Amino acid sequence: MTTAPAPAPPPSTAPAGPAVAVSYTVVKVWDGGFQAEFTIVNNGAAPVDGWQLTAVLPGDQVQSAWDASFQASGDTVTLTPPSYQVIIEPGAGLAEHFTAGGAVTVPQSCAFNGAPCS
C-alpha cells in the first residue's frame, strides 16, 4: 500500500503594506494655536470611495478646516471629504488643512476609515 505525499503548503506571501498612508505636519505655530495638515495617500490598487479621518488633539479645539468638512467635539475632530474630493484614486494624495487653538500640536491618536493611521 502506498500513501500519497502530503500536499505542499501554499507559498507564503508577505502582507501587503497599508493601502492608505496618512501623515501629519505642523505648518505654523503661534501663541495659543497652530495650523497643521493631514496628507492622505492612496497606495492601493483601487480607488478609496468616501473617507473619514478622526484625530484626538488633547486640550485643543479645531477652529477651521479647508479642503475638508469638519466636525469638532471637544478635542476630537472628524474630517470628511467635500463633494469634489470623495474619491482618492490609486497613487493620488490630498492634503487636509486645519487650524486649532491650544498648545498640543501632535495628535494623540488618528484613524482613517476606522483603522489606525499609518
N, C-alpha and C. Protein backbone atom coordinates (compact mmCIF):
# COMPACT_ATOMS: atom_id res chain seq x y z
N MET A 1 0.84 -1.16 0.00
CA MET A 1 0.00 0.00 0.00
C MET A 1 0.89 1.24 0.00
N THR A 2 0.63 2.12 -0.91
CA THR A 2 1.39 3.37 -0.97
C THR A 2 0.51 4.52 -0.51
N THR A 3 1.14 5.47 0.08
CA THR A 3 0.39 6.65 0.53
C THR A 3 0.78 7.82 -0.35
N ALA A 4 -0.17 8.66 -0.58
CA ALA A 4 0.09 9.86 -1.39
C ALA A 4 0.90 10.84 -0.56
N PRO A 5 1.81 11.55 -1.21
CA PRO A 5 2.57 12.54 -0.45
C PRO A 5 1.64 13.64 0.07
N ALA A 6 2.02 14.18 1.18
CA ALA A 6 1.24 15.27 1.77
C ALA A 6 1.29 16.47 0.84
N PRO A 7 0.17 17.17 0.72
CA PRO A 7 0.19 18.35 -0.16
C PRO A 7 1.16 19.40 0.38
N ALA A 8 1.79 20.07 -0.54
CA ALA A 8 2.73 21.13 -0.17
C ALA A 8 1.96 22.30 0.40
N PRO A 9 2.50 22.96 1.43
CA PRO A 9 1.80 24.14 1.96
C PRO A 9 1.80 25.24 0.91
N PRO A 10 0.78 26.09 0.95
CA PRO A 10 0.75 27.19 -0.03
C PRO A 10 1.94 28.12 0.21
N PRO A 11 2.40 28.74 -0.87
CA PRO A 11 3.53 29.66 -0.68
C PRO A 11 3.12 30.81 0.23
N SER A 12 4.04 31.23 1.06
CA SER A 12 3.73 32.35 1.95
C SER A 12 3.97 33.65 1.20
N THR A 13 3.17 34.60 1.52
CA THR A 13 3.34 35.91 0.91
C THR A 13 3.48 36.93 2.03
N ALA A 14 4.28 37.91 1.78
CA ALA A 14 4.44 38.98 2.76
C ALA A 14 3.15 39.79 2.78
N PRO A 15 2.71 40.23 3.94
CA PRO A 15 1.49 41.04 3.97
C PRO A 15 1.69 42.33 3.20
N ALA A 16 0.66 42.74 2.54
CA ALA A 16 0.72 43.99 1.78
C ALA A 16 0.80 45.16 2.75
N GLY A 17 1.45 46.22 2.32
CA GLY A 17 1.51 47.43 3.13
C GLY A 17 0.15 48.08 3.18
N PRO A 18 0.01 49.08 4.00
CA PRO A 18 -1.30 49.73 4.11
C PRO A 18 -1.69 50.36 2.79
N ALA A 19 -2.96 50.22 2.45
CA ALA A 19 -3.45 50.79 1.19
C ALA A 19 -3.47 52.31 1.25
N VAL A 20 -3.72 52.86 2.45
CA VAL A 20 -3.77 54.31 2.60
C VAL A 20 -2.77 54.72 3.69
N ALA A 21 -1.93 55.69 3.36
CA ALA A 21 -0.97 56.22 4.32
C ALA A 21 -1.40 57.64 4.70
N VAL A 22 -1.35 57.94 5.99
CA VAL A 22 -1.72 59.26 6.49
C VAL A 22 -0.51 59.83 7.23
N SER A 23 -0.09 61.01 6.82
CA SER A 23 0.99 61.69 7.54
C SER A 23 0.45 63.00 8.10
N TYR A 24 1.18 63.54 9.06
CA TYR A 24 0.75 64.75 9.76
C TYR A 24 1.91 65.72 9.83
N THR A 25 1.64 66.99 9.54
CA THR A 25 2.67 68.02 9.56
C THR A 25 2.12 69.27 10.23
N VAL A 26 2.90 69.85 11.14
CA VAL A 26 2.56 71.15 11.70
C VAL A 26 3.12 72.20 10.75
N VAL A 27 2.27 73.07 10.26
CA VAL A 27 2.67 74.08 9.28
C VAL A 27 3.16 75.35 9.95
N LYS A 28 2.44 75.79 10.99
CA LYS A 28 2.78 77.05 11.65
C LYS A 28 2.26 77.01 13.09
N VAL A 29 3.01 77.60 14.00
CA VAL A 29 2.61 77.69 15.40
C VAL A 29 2.63 79.16 15.81
N TRP A 30 1.64 79.58 16.57
CA TRP A 30 1.61 80.93 17.12
C TRP A 30 1.14 80.81 18.57
N ASP A 31 1.22 81.91 19.29
CA ASP A 31 0.82 81.90 20.70
C ASP A 31 -0.66 81.52 20.81
N GLY A 32 -0.93 80.36 21.38
CA GLY A 32 -2.30 79.91 21.59
C GLY A 32 -2.91 79.10 20.47
N GLY A 33 -2.13 78.77 19.44
CA GLY A 33 -2.72 77.99 18.36
C GLY A 33 -1.72 77.52 17.33
N PHE A 34 -2.24 76.85 16.32
CA PHE A 34 -1.37 76.32 15.26
C PHE A 34 -2.19 75.96 14.03
N GLN A 35 -1.47 75.79 12.93
CA GLN A 35 -2.03 75.28 11.67
C GLN A 35 -1.32 73.98 11.36
N ALA A 36 -2.06 72.97 10.94
CA ALA A 36 -1.47 71.68 10.62
C ALA A 36 -2.21 71.08 9.43
N GLU A 37 -1.66 69.97 8.92
CA GLU A 37 -2.32 69.29 7.82
C GLU A 37 -2.11 67.78 7.92
N PHE A 38 -3.11 67.06 7.47
CA PHE A 38 -3.01 65.62 7.27
C PHE A 38 -2.88 65.41 5.77
N THR A 39 -1.91 64.59 5.37
CA THR A 39 -1.78 64.21 3.97
C THR A 39 -2.20 62.76 3.85
N ILE A 40 -3.13 62.49 2.96
CA ILE A 40 -3.68 61.16 2.76
C ILE A 40 -3.24 60.69 1.37
N VAL A 41 -2.59 59.53 1.29
CA VAL A 41 -2.13 58.99 0.02
C VAL A 41 -2.70 57.58 -0.16
N ASN A 42 -3.33 57.35 -1.29
CA ASN A 42 -3.87 56.03 -1.61
C ASN A 42 -2.77 55.21 -2.31
N ASN A 43 -2.16 54.29 -1.57
CA ASN A 43 -1.12 53.42 -2.13
C ASN A 43 -1.69 52.13 -2.69
N GLY A 44 -3.00 51.97 -2.63
CA GLY A 44 -3.64 50.74 -3.09
C GLY A 44 -3.88 50.75 -4.59
N ALA A 45 -4.46 49.66 -5.06
CA ALA A 45 -4.75 49.49 -6.48
C ALA A 45 -6.17 49.94 -6.82
N ALA A 46 -6.99 50.15 -5.82
CA ALA A 46 -8.39 50.54 -6.05
C ALA A 46 -8.64 51.93 -5.48
N PRO A 47 -9.58 52.66 -6.07
CA PRO A 47 -9.92 53.97 -5.52
C PRO A 47 -10.52 53.84 -4.12
N VAL A 48 -10.31 54.85 -3.29
CA VAL A 48 -10.98 54.96 -2.00
C VAL A 48 -12.19 55.84 -2.26
N ASP A 49 -13.36 55.28 -2.08
CA ASP A 49 -14.60 56.00 -2.38
C ASP A 49 -15.27 56.38 -1.05
N GLY A 50 -15.07 57.60 -0.65
CA GLY A 50 -15.57 58.08 0.63
C GLY A 50 -14.55 57.82 1.72
N TRP A 51 -14.41 58.75 2.62
CA TRP A 51 -13.44 58.59 3.70
C TRP A 51 -13.80 59.46 4.88
N GLN A 52 -13.20 59.10 6.00
CA GLN A 52 -13.37 59.86 7.24
C GLN A 52 -12.08 59.74 8.04
N LEU A 53 -11.56 60.86 8.49
CA LEU A 53 -10.35 60.89 9.31
C LEU A 53 -10.72 61.50 10.65
N THR A 54 -10.40 60.78 11.73
CA THR A 54 -10.68 61.27 13.07
C THR A 54 -9.37 61.37 13.84
N ALA A 55 -9.17 62.49 14.52
CA ALA A 55 -7.95 62.69 15.31
C ALA A 55 -8.30 63.29 16.66
N VAL A 56 -7.52 62.90 17.66
CA VAL A 56 -7.68 63.44 19.01
C VAL A 56 -6.48 64.34 19.28
N LEU A 57 -6.76 65.59 19.58
CA LEU A 57 -5.74 66.59 19.91
C LEU A 57 -6.02 67.07 21.32
N PRO A 58 -5.40 66.43 22.33
CA PRO A 58 -5.73 66.73 23.73
C PRO A 58 -5.60 68.21 24.08
N GLY A 59 -6.68 68.76 24.61
CA GLY A 59 -6.67 70.14 25.05
C GLY A 59 -6.81 71.17 23.94
N ASP A 60 -6.88 70.72 22.70
CA ASP A 60 -7.00 71.65 21.58
C ASP A 60 -8.44 71.70 21.08
N GLN A 61 -8.75 72.76 20.37
CA GLN A 61 -10.08 72.91 19.76
C GLN A 61 -9.89 73.33 18.31
N VAL A 62 -10.27 72.47 17.38
CA VAL A 62 -10.16 72.81 15.97
C VAL A 62 -11.15 73.93 15.67
N GLN A 63 -10.64 74.95 14.98
CA GLN A 63 -11.45 76.13 14.71
C GLN A 63 -11.89 76.24 13.26
N SER A 64 -11.07 75.74 12.35
CA SER A 64 -11.43 75.80 10.93
C SER A 64 -10.70 74.70 10.18
N ALA A 65 -11.23 74.37 9.01
CA ALA A 65 -10.58 73.40 8.13
C ALA A 65 -10.89 73.80 6.70
N TRP A 66 -10.01 73.47 5.80
CA TRP A 66 -10.28 73.70 4.39
C TRP A 66 -9.85 72.47 3.61
N ASP A 67 -10.48 72.28 2.46
CA ASP A 67 -10.36 71.08 1.63
C ASP A 67 -10.95 69.87 2.34
N ALA A 68 -11.75 70.10 3.37
CA ALA A 68 -12.48 69.04 4.08
C ALA A 68 -13.59 69.69 4.89
N SER A 69 -14.63 68.94 5.12
CA SER A 69 -15.64 69.35 6.08
C SER A 69 -15.17 68.85 7.43
N PHE A 70 -15.50 69.55 8.51
CA PHE A 70 -15.05 69.08 9.81
C PHE A 70 -16.15 69.21 10.84
N GLN A 71 -16.05 68.33 11.83
CA GLN A 71 -16.93 68.39 12.99
C GLN A 71 -16.03 68.21 14.20
N ALA A 72 -16.09 69.13 15.13
CA ALA A 72 -15.27 69.06 16.34
C ALA A 72 -16.15 68.79 17.53
N SER A 73 -15.68 67.91 18.39
CA SER A 73 -16.35 67.62 19.64
C SER A 73 -15.28 67.54 20.71
N GLY A 74 -15.17 68.61 21.51
CA GLY A 74 -14.09 68.68 22.49
C GLY A 74 -12.75 68.68 21.77
N ASP A 75 -11.86 67.75 22.13
CA ASP A 75 -10.54 67.70 21.50
C ASP A 75 -10.47 66.69 20.35
N THR A 76 -11.63 66.22 19.88
CA THR A 76 -11.67 65.28 18.76
C THR A 76 -12.23 65.98 17.53
N VAL A 77 -11.55 65.80 16.41
CA VAL A 77 -12.02 66.37 15.15
C VAL A 77 -12.21 65.24 14.15
N THR A 78 -13.28 65.36 13.37
CA THR A 78 -13.55 64.41 12.30
C THR A 78 -13.60 65.18 11.00
N LEU A 79 -12.75 64.79 10.07
CA LEU A 79 -12.70 65.40 8.74
C LEU A 79 -13.35 64.45 7.74
N THR A 80 -14.18 65.00 6.87
CA THR A 80 -14.81 64.23 5.81
C THR A 80 -14.63 64.99 4.50
N PRO A 81 -14.73 64.29 3.37
CA PRO A 81 -14.43 64.95 2.10
C PRO A 81 -15.53 65.90 1.64
N PRO A 82 -15.11 66.97 0.99
CA PRO A 82 -16.11 67.79 0.31
C PRO A 82 -16.55 67.04 -0.95
N SER A 83 -17.59 67.49 -1.58
CA SER A 83 -18.15 66.78 -2.74
C SER A 83 -17.15 66.58 -3.88
N TYR A 84 -16.15 67.44 -3.98
CA TYR A 84 -15.18 67.32 -5.08
C TYR A 84 -13.98 66.44 -4.74
N GLN A 85 -13.91 65.88 -3.52
CA GLN A 85 -12.78 65.02 -3.14
C GLN A 85 -13.24 63.72 -2.50
N VAL A 86 -14.38 63.20 -2.88
CA VAL A 86 -14.90 61.99 -2.27
C VAL A 86 -14.03 60.79 -2.62
N ILE A 87 -13.54 60.74 -3.85
CA ILE A 87 -12.75 59.60 -4.32
C ILE A 87 -11.27 59.97 -4.34
N ILE A 88 -10.45 59.06 -3.78
CA ILE A 88 -8.99 59.21 -3.86
C ILE A 88 -8.51 58.09 -4.77
N GLU A 89 -8.07 58.44 -5.95
CA GLU A 89 -7.63 57.45 -6.94
C GLU A 89 -6.33 56.78 -6.50
N PRO A 90 -6.04 55.58 -7.00
CA PRO A 90 -4.78 54.91 -6.69
C PRO A 90 -3.59 55.80 -7.06
N GLY A 91 -2.64 55.92 -6.16
CA GLY A 91 -1.45 56.74 -6.39
C GLY A 91 -1.66 58.22 -6.12
N ALA A 92 -2.90 58.62 -5.85
CA ALA A 92 -3.19 60.03 -5.62
C ALA A 92 -3.15 60.34 -4.13
N GLY A 93 -2.99 61.61 -3.84
CA GLY A 93 -2.98 62.07 -2.46
C GLY A 93 -3.68 63.40 -2.35
N LEU A 94 -4.02 63.75 -1.14
CA LEU A 94 -4.62 65.05 -0.89
C LEU A 94 -4.22 65.52 0.50
N ALA A 95 -4.27 66.82 0.70
CA ALA A 95 -3.89 67.42 1.98
C ALA A 95 -5.12 68.09 2.58
N GLU A 96 -5.34 67.82 3.86
CA GLU A 96 -6.46 68.41 4.59
C GLU A 96 -5.88 69.31 5.68
N HIS A 97 -6.16 70.60 5.59
CA HIS A 97 -5.58 71.62 6.46
C HIS A 97 -6.58 72.03 7.54
N PHE A 98 -6.05 72.41 8.70
CA PHE A 98 -6.91 72.93 9.75
C PHE A 98 -6.13 73.86 10.67
N THR A 99 -6.87 74.68 11.41
CA THR A 99 -6.29 75.50 12.48
C THR A 99 -6.95 75.09 13.78
N ALA A 100 -6.19 75.23 14.86
CA ALA A 100 -6.71 74.87 16.17
C ALA A 100 -6.16 75.80 17.23
N GLY A 101 -6.94 76.00 18.27
CA GLY A 101 -6.48 76.72 19.44
C GLY A 101 -5.97 75.71 20.45
N GLY A 102 -4.84 75.99 21.06
CA GLY A 102 -4.26 75.09 22.04
C GLY A 102 -2.78 74.94 21.81
N ALA A 103 -2.14 74.18 22.68
CA ALA A 103 -0.68 74.06 22.63
C ALA A 103 -0.18 72.67 22.26
N VAL A 104 -1.07 71.67 22.21
CA VAL A 104 -0.64 70.31 21.86
C VAL A 104 -0.76 70.17 20.36
N THR A 105 0.38 70.18 19.67
CA THR A 105 0.34 70.20 18.21
C THR A 105 0.41 68.82 17.57
N VAL A 106 0.54 67.76 18.38
CA VAL A 106 0.64 66.40 17.83
C VAL A 106 -0.58 65.60 18.27
N PRO A 107 -1.27 64.94 17.33
CA PRO A 107 -2.44 64.15 17.71
C PRO A 107 -2.07 63.00 18.66
N GLN A 108 -2.96 62.75 19.60
CA GLN A 108 -2.79 61.60 20.49
C GLN A 108 -3.14 60.32 19.75
N SER A 109 -4.11 60.40 18.84
CA SER A 109 -4.50 59.27 18.02
C SER A 109 -5.09 59.77 16.72
N CYS A 110 -5.13 58.88 15.74
CA CYS A 110 -5.64 59.21 14.42
C CYS A 110 -6.20 57.93 13.81
N ALA A 111 -7.34 58.03 13.13
CA ALA A 111 -7.93 56.88 12.45
C ALA A 111 -8.44 57.32 11.09
N PHE A 112 -8.20 56.50 10.08
CA PHE A 112 -8.70 56.74 8.73
C PHE A 112 -9.67 55.61 8.40
N ASN A 113 -10.93 55.96 8.15
CA ASN A 113 -11.97 54.97 7.90
C ASN A 113 -11.98 53.87 8.97
N GLY A 114 -11.76 54.28 10.22
CA GLY A 114 -11.85 53.36 11.34
C GLY A 114 -10.58 52.61 11.68
N ALA A 115 -9.56 52.66 10.81
CA ALA A 115 -8.30 51.96 11.07
C ALA A 115 -7.26 52.96 11.54
N PRO A 116 -6.36 52.56 12.44
CA PRO A 116 -5.33 53.50 12.89
C PRO A 116 -4.53 54.05 11.71
N CYS A 117 -4.22 55.33 11.77
CA CYS A 117 -3.41 55.95 10.72
C CYS A 117 -2.04 55.29 10.70
N SER A 118 -1.51 55.18 9.50
CA SER A 118 -0.18 54.59 9.38
C SER A 118 0.82 55.62 8.89
